[in-house]
Amino acid sequence: MQAGFGVGRSLRGGMAIGSLTVASGEGDCFDRDMVLILAEIAGQASFALDNLERERARLEAARQAQQSNERFMVALETLPISA
């Protein structure tokens, strides 16, 4: 291998979880424009991973809220209320 390029920008919640690594057998293939493109790709991957995590957390919060509402309704229905 004559040339390699690594971008350590795969972040989740500000913590590094991985890196984008690209290698080439050709020398001088990673010019300034290519480095900028690869850095953008790494940033977009990080953004996508953060969005997936936020969506997972949102769905979990919605599930918990639904369960809480169901428990409340059961408790409400069992209250002895006189007319």
C-alpha atoms as a PDB file:
ATOM      1  CA  MET A   1       0.000   0.000   0.000  1.00  0.00           C
ATOM      2  CA  GLN A   2       1.447   3.347  -1.010  1.00  0.00           C
ATOM      3  CA  ALA A   3      -1.169   5.716   0.372  1.00  0.00           C
ATOM      4  CA  GLY A   4      -3.816   5.708   3.078  1.00  0.00           C
ATOM      5  CA  PHE A   5      -6.227   8.159   4.566  1.00  0.00           C
ATOM      6  CA  GLY A   6      -8.112   8.054   7.859  1.00  0.00           C
ATOM      7  CA  VAL A   7     -10.771  10.321   9.272  1.00  0.00           C
ATOM      8  CA  GLY A   8     -11.563   9.921  12.963  1.00  0.00           C
ATOM      9  CA  ARG A   9     -14.891  11.751  12.810  1.00  0.00           C
ATOM     10  CA  SER A  10     -17.368   8.940  13.371  1.00  0.00           C
ATOM     11  CA  LEU A  11     -18.842  10.327  16.571  1.00  0.00           C
ATOM     12  CA  ARG A  12     -21.892   9.508  18.643  1.00  0.00           C
ATOM     13  CA  GLY A  13     -22.836  11.929  21.335  1.00  0.00           C
ATOM     14  CA  GLY A  14     -19.420  13.552  21.054  1.00  0.00           C
ATOM     15  CA  MET A  15     -17.597  10.238  21.622  1.00  0.00           C
ATOM     16  CA  ALA A  16     -15.503   8.602  18.896  1.00  0.00           C
ATOM     17  CA  ILE A  17     -16.956   5.211  17.983  1.00  0.00           C
ATOM     18  CA  GLY A  18     -15.048   4.508  14.801  1.00  0.00           C
ATOM     19  CA  SER A  19     -13.275   5.955  11.857  1.00  0.00           C
ATOM     20  CA  LEU A  20     -13.524   6.039   8.116  1.00  0.00           C
ATOM     21  CA  THR A  21     -10.396   4.562   6.610  1.00  0.00           C
ATOM     22  CA  VAL A  22      -9.674   4.569   2.895  1.00  0.00           C
ATOM     23  CA  ALA A  23      -6.582   3.051   1.332  1.00  0.00           C
ATOM     24  CA  SER A  24      -5.155   3.160  -2.163  1.00  0.00           C
ATOM     25  CA  GLY A  25      -2.319   1.459  -3.929  1.00  0.00           C
ATOM     26  CA  GLU A  26      -1.681   4.652  -5.875  1.00  0.00           C
ATOM     27  CA  GLY A  27       0.548   7.342  -4.459  1.00  0.00           C
ATOM     28  CA  ASP A  28      -0.724  10.917  -4.147  1.00  0.00           C
ATOM     29  CA  CYS A  29      -4.327   9.936  -4.825  1.00  0.00           C
ATOM     30  CA  PHE A  30      -5.686  11.809  -1.782  1.00  0.00           C
ATOM     31  CA  ASP A  31      -5.515  15.420  -2.871  1.00  0.00           C
ATOM     32  CA  ARG A  32      -7.105  18.259  -0.904  1.00  0.00           C
ATOM     33  CA  ASP A  33     -10.515  17.879  -2.592  1.00  0.00           C
ATOM     34  CA  MET A  34     -10.591  14.121  -1.940  1.00  0.00           C
ATOM     35  CA  VAL A  35      -9.701  14.657   1.727  1.00  0.00           C
ATOM     36  CA  LEU A  36     -12.520  17.205   2.058  1.00  0.00           C
ATOM     37  CA  ILE A  37     -14.987  14.797   0.430  1.00  0.00           C
ATOM     38  CA  LEU A  38     -13.932  11.938   2.713  1.00  0.00           C
ATOM     39  CA  ALA A  39     -14.198  14.174   5.774  1.00  0.00           C
ATOM     40  CA  GLU A  40     -17.721  15.165   4.668  1.00  0.00           C
ATOM     41  CA  ILE A  41     -18.688  11.506   4.216  1.00  0.00           C
ATOM     42  CA  ALA A  42     -17.444  10.717   7.723  1.00  0.00           C
ATOM     43  CA  GLY A  43     -19.396  13.661   9.112  1.00  0.00           C
ATOM     44  CA  GLN A  44     -22.566  12.559   7.330  1.00  0.00           C
ATOM     45  CA  ALA A  45     -22.189   9.008   8.674  1.00  0.00           C
ATOM     46  CA  SER A  46     -21.788  10.426  12.187  1.00  0.00           C
ATOM     47  CA  PHE A  47     -24.894  12.582  11.713  1.00  0.00           C
ATOM     48  CA  ALA A  48     -26.901   9.566  10.505  1.00  0.00           C
ATOM     49  CA  LEU A  49     -25.821   7.463  13.495  1.00  0.00           C
ATOM     50  CA  ASP A  50     -26.813  10.256  15.887  1.00  0.00           C
ATOM     51  CA  ASN A  51     -30.220  10.522  14.196  1.00  0.00           C
ATOM     52  CA  LEU A  52     -30.767   6.771  14.492  1.00  0.00           C
ATOM     53  CA  GLU A  53     -29.974   6.934  18.211  1.00  0.00           C
ATOM     54  CA  ARG A  54     -32.289   9.912  18.743  1.00  0.00           C
ATOM     55  CA  GLU A  55     -35.110   8.109  16.938  1.00  0.00           C
ATOM     56  CA  ARG A  56     -34.564   4.977  19.025  1.00  0.00           C
ATOM     57  CA  ALA A  57     -34.714   7.071  22.205  1.00  0.00           C
ATOM     58  CA  ARG A  58     -37.847   8.894  20.974  1.00  0.00           C
ATOM     59  CA  LEU A  59     -39.620   5.619  20.214  1.00  0.00           C
ATOM     60  CA  GLU A  60     -38.669   4.221  23.626  1.00  0.00           C
ATOM     61  CA  ALA A  61     -39.962   7.365  25.379  1.00  0.00           C
ATOM     62  CA  ALA A  62     -43.234   7.137  23.429  1.00  0.00           C
ATOM     63  CA  ARG A  63     -43.589   3.455  24.398  1.00  0.00           C
ATOM     64  CA  GLN A  64     -43.003   4.259  28.059  1.00  0.00           C
ATOM     65  CA  ALA A  65     -45.484   7.141  27.948  1.00  0.00           C
ATOM     66  CA  GLN A  66     -48.114   4.851  26.404  1.00  0.00           C
ATOM     67  CA  GLN A  67     -47.555   2.243  29.106  1.00  0.00           C
ATOM     68  CA  SER A  68     -47.804   4.910  31.817  1.00  0.00           C
ATOM     69  CA  ASN A  69     -51.037   6.216  30.315  1.00  0.00           C
ATOM     70  CA  GLU A  70     -52.489   2.695  30.205  1.00  0.00           C
ATOM     71  CA  ARG A  71     -51.583   2.106  33.883  1.00  0.00           C
ATOM     72  CA  PHE A  72     -53.185   5.438  34.806  1.00  0.00           C
ATOM     73  CA  MET A  73     -56.393   4.581  32.949  1.00  0.00           C
ATOM     74  CA  VAL A  74     -56.619   1.191  34.708  1.00  0.00           C
ATOM     75  CA  ALA A  75     -56.089   2.868  38.079  1.00  0.00           C
ATOM     76  CA  LEU A  76     -58.658   5.541  37.251  1.00  0.00           C
ATOM     77  CA  GLU A  77     -61.251   2.956  36.223  1.00  0.00           C
ATOM     78  CA  THR A  78     -60.864   1.071  39.512  1.00  0.00           C
ATOM     79  CA  LEU A  79     -61.448   4.116  41.733  1.00  0.00           C
ATOM     80  CA  PRO A  80     -64.667   3.905  43.741  1.00  0.00           C
ATOM     81  CA  ILE A  81     -66.511   6.982  42.558  1.00  0.00           C
ATOM     82  CA  SER A  82     -70.072   7.478  43.796  1.00  0.00           C
ATOM     83  CA  ALA A  83     -72.639   9.319  41.742  1.00  0.00           C
END
